[in-house]
Amino acid sequence: RARVVRCGWGGSGGGGGGGGGHNAGGHDYARDDDGSVAVDMAKVDGILLQRMQAKMQRDFATADRLRDDLKAAGVMVFDKEKTWKAIGAGPSRGGGGGGGGGYGGG
């Protein structure tokens, strides 16, 4: 099972009822890596929030620019999965298995 680290502003307070799947950062994205690469969480949360708002307003040029800004800052965004990863960080999942043996001909 993948370990998903929810990131956000921290602090107390309950989740918003009826507000959808927003995390504490106000966006729908979750960090999905091993956390080995330090990132400015407040900056990432802020840009992801701006990007989500731009997409909701159908301002895709701004959303694309913000995605490129995140990439330049070392963050890859995966829209389909609603996750992001720091470039260079390991996966949040356990390591993959080794390859199998070759076919023994003969």
C-alpha atoms as a PDB file:
ATOM      1  CA  ARG A   1       0.000   0.000   0.000  1.00  0.00           C
ATOM      2  CA  ALA A   2       1.368   3.387  -0.960  1.00  0.00           C
ATOM      3  CA  ARG A   3       2.191   5.829   1.800  1.00  0.00           C
ATOM      4  CA  VAL A   4       0.678   9.188   1.015  1.00  0.00           C
ATOM      5  CA  VAL A   5       1.877  12.117   3.094  1.00  0.00           C
ATOM      6  CA  ARG A   6      -0.677  14.890   3.393  1.00  0.00           C
ATOM      7  CA  CYS A   7       1.000  18.259   3.405  1.00  0.00           C
ATOM      8  CA  GLY A   8      -0.366  21.613   4.349  1.00  0.00           C
ATOM      9  CA  TRP A   9      -0.257  24.537   6.659  1.00  0.00           C
ATOM     10  CA  GLY A  10      -0.653  22.439   9.797  1.00  0.00           C
ATOM     11  CA  GLY A  11      -2.521  23.782  12.763  1.00  0.00           C
ATOM     12  CA  SER A  12      -5.801  22.631  14.151  1.00  0.00           C
ATOM     13  CA  GLY A  13      -9.284  22.622  12.822  1.00  0.00           C
ATOM     14  CA  GLY A  14     -11.459  20.029  11.239  1.00  0.00           C
ATOM     15  CA  GLY A  15     -11.805  19.301   7.572  1.00  0.00           C
ATOM     16  CA  GLY A  16     -14.362  21.273   5.688  1.00  0.00           C
ATOM     17  CA  GLY A  17     -17.590  19.400   5.316  1.00  0.00           C
ATOM     18  CA  GLY A  18     -18.915  19.419   1.693  1.00  0.00           C
ATOM     19  CA  GLY A  19     -15.782  21.155   0.456  1.00  0.00           C
ATOM     20  CA  GLY A  20     -14.515  18.154  -1.441  1.00  0.00           C
ATOM     21  CA  GLY A  21     -11.199  16.440  -1.008  1.00  0.00           C
ATOM     22  CA  HIS A  22      -9.076  19.480  -0.233  1.00  0.00           C
ATOM     23  CA  ASN A  23      -6.213  18.936   2.161  1.00  0.00           C
ATOM     24  CA  ALA A  24      -4.910  21.454   4.665  1.00  0.00           C
ATOM     25  CA  GLY A  25      -3.118  23.325   1.858  1.00  0.00           C
ATOM     26  CA  GLY A  26      -6.457  24.030   0.196  1.00  0.00           C
ATOM     27  CA  HIS A  27      -5.811  21.833  -2.841  1.00  0.00           C
ATOM     28  CA  ASP A  28      -6.516  18.220  -3.792  1.00  0.00           C
ATOM     29  CA  TYR A  29      -2.911  17.039  -4.168  1.00  0.00           C
ATOM     30  CA  ALA A  30      -0.919  14.847  -1.782  1.00  0.00           C
ATOM     31  CA  ARG A  31       2.836  14.316  -1.588  1.00  0.00           C
ATOM     32  CA  ASP A  32       3.670  10.804  -2.760  1.00  0.00           C
ATOM     33  CA  ASP A  33       7.370  10.191  -2.183  1.00  0.00           C
ATOM     34  CA  ASP A  34       9.644   9.097   0.644  1.00  0.00           C
ATOM     35  CA  GLY A  35      10.210  12.658   1.901  1.00  0.00           C
ATOM     36  CA  SER A  36      13.984  12.377   1.460  1.00  0.00           C
ATOM     37  CA  VAL A  37      14.199  15.643  -0.518  1.00  0.00           C
ATOM     38  CA  ALA A  38      13.413  18.822   1.405  1.00  0.00           C
ATOM     39  CA  VAL A  39      10.974  21.203  -0.254  1.00  0.00           C
ATOM     40  CA  ASP A  40       9.346  24.459   0.794  1.00  0.00           C
ATOM     41  CA  MET A  41       5.950  22.995   1.674  1.00  0.00           C
ATOM     42  CA  ALA A  42       4.251  26.388   2.013  1.00  0.00           C
ATOM     43  CA  LYS A  43       5.479  27.387  -1.450  1.00  0.00           C
ATOM     44  CA  VAL A  44       4.386  24.085  -3.010  1.00  0.00           C
ATOM     45  CA  ASP A  45       0.979  24.291  -1.315  1.00  0.00           C
ATOM     46  CA  GLY A  46       0.519  27.884  -2.465  1.00  0.00           C
ATOM     47  CA  ILE A  47       1.382  27.147  -6.084  1.00  0.00           C
ATOM     48  CA  LEU A  48      -0.779  24.004  -6.140  1.00  0.00           C
ATOM     49  CA  LEU A  49      -3.691  26.033  -4.764  1.00  0.00           C
ATOM     50  CA  GLN A  50      -3.206  28.766  -7.383  1.00  0.00           C
ATOM     51  CA  ARG A  51      -2.966  26.111 -10.084  1.00  0.00           C
ATOM     52  CA  MET A  52      -6.151  24.380  -8.952  1.00  0.00           C
ATOM     53  CA  GLN A  53      -7.984  27.722  -8.938  1.00  0.00           C
ATOM     54  CA  ALA A  54      -6.691  28.548 -12.428  1.00  0.00           C
ATOM     55  CA  LYS A  55      -7.904  25.181 -13.719  1.00  0.00           C
ATOM     56  CA  MET A  56     -11.328  25.726 -12.127  1.00  0.00           C
ATOM     57  CA  GLN A  57     -11.524  29.064 -13.955  1.00  0.00           C
ATOM     58  CA  ARG A  58     -10.446  27.262 -17.157  1.00  0.00           C
ATOM     59  CA  ASP A  59      -7.306  29.412 -17.307  1.00  0.00           C
ATOM     60  CA  PHE A  60      -5.147  26.578 -18.581  1.00  0.00           C
ATOM     61  CA  ALA A  61      -2.293  28.809 -19.714  1.00  0.00           C
ATOM     62  CA  THR A  62      -1.794  29.964 -16.115  1.00  0.00           C
ATOM     63  CA  ALA A  63      -2.223  26.411 -14.797  1.00  0.00           C
ATOM     64  CA  ASP A  64       0.451  25.187 -17.221  1.00  0.00           C
ATOM     65  CA  ARG A  65       2.811  28.017 -16.244  1.00  0.00           C
ATOM     66  CA  LEU A  66       2.373  27.169 -12.564  1.00  0.00           C
ATOM     67  CA  ARG A  67       3.063  23.489 -13.296  1.00  0.00           C
ATOM     68  CA  ASP A  68       6.260  24.560 -15.072  1.00  0.00           C
ATOM     69  CA  ASP A  69       7.174  26.759 -12.074  1.00  0.00           C
ATOM     70  CA  LEU A  70       6.799  23.732  -9.798  1.00  0.00           C
ATOM     71  CA  LYS A  71       8.957  21.622 -12.088  1.00  0.00           C
ATOM     72  CA  ALA A  72      11.650  24.332 -12.078  1.00  0.00           C
ATOM     73  CA  ALA A  73      11.487  24.241  -8.265  1.00  0.00           C
ATOM     74  CA  GLY A  74      12.042  20.468  -8.277  1.00  0.00           C
ATOM     75  CA  VAL A  75       8.449  19.249  -7.999  1.00  0.00           C
ATOM     76  CA  MET A  76       6.677  16.964 -10.458  1.00  0.00           C
ATOM     77  CA  VAL A  77       2.865  17.054 -10.480  1.00  0.00           C
ATOM     78  CA  PHE A  78       0.738  14.077 -11.467  1.00  0.00           C
ATOM     79  CA  ASP A  79      -2.768  15.336 -12.202  1.00  0.00           C
ATOM     80  CA  LYS A  80      -4.417  11.972 -12.830  1.00  0.00           C
ATOM     81  CA  GLU A  81      -3.290  10.670  -9.445  1.00  0.00           C
ATOM     82  CA  LYS A  82      -3.646  14.054  -7.695  1.00  0.00           C
ATOM     83  CA  THR A  83      -0.132  13.646  -6.291  1.00  0.00           C
ATOM     84  CA  TRP A  84       3.219  15.408  -6.430  1.00  0.00           C
ATOM     85  CA  LYS A  85       6.785  14.274  -5.867  1.00  0.00           C
ATOM     86  CA  ALA A  86      10.055  16.035  -5.219  1.00  0.00           C
ATOM     87  CA  ILE A  87      12.482  15.331  -8.049  1.00  0.00           C
ATOM     88  CA  GLY A  88      15.172  12.977  -6.764  1.00  0.00           C
ATOM     89  CA  ALA A  89      13.095  11.553  -3.925  1.00  0.00           C
ATOM     90  CA  GLY A  90      12.459   7.855  -3.706  1.00  0.00           C
ATOM     91  CA  PRO A  91       9.025   6.331  -4.158  1.00  0.00           C
ATOM     92  CA  SER A  92       6.691   6.132  -1.210  1.00  0.00           C
ATOM     93  CA  ARG A  93       5.994   2.510  -1.961  1.00  0.00           C
ATOM     94  CA  GLY A  94       8.255  -0.288  -0.828  1.00  0.00           C
ATOM     95  CA  GLY A  95      11.002  -1.146  -3.259  1.00  0.00           C
ATOM     96  CA  GLY A  96      10.254  -3.186  -6.333  1.00  0.00           C
ATOM     97  CA  GLY A  97      11.025  -6.862  -6.556  1.00  0.00           C
ATOM     98  CA  GLY A  98      14.044  -8.194  -8.360  1.00  0.00           C
ATOM     99  CA  GLY A  99      13.874  -9.589 -11.855  1.00  0.00           C
ATOM    100  CA  GLY A 100      13.171 -13.227 -12.400  1.00  0.00           C
ATOM    101  CA  GLY A 101      15.629 -15.768 -13.710  1.00  0.00           C
ATOM    102  CA  GLY A 102      16.104 -16.358 -17.388  1.00  0.00           C
ATOM    103  CA  TYR A 103      14.430 -19.072 -19.360  1.00  0.00           C
ATOM    104  CA  GLY A 104      16.473 -22.223 -19.096  1.00  0.00           C
ATOM    105  CA  GLY A 105      16.600 -23.474 -22.660  1.00  0.00           C
ATOM    106  CA  GLY A 106      17.654 -26.904 -23.548  1.00  0.00           C
END
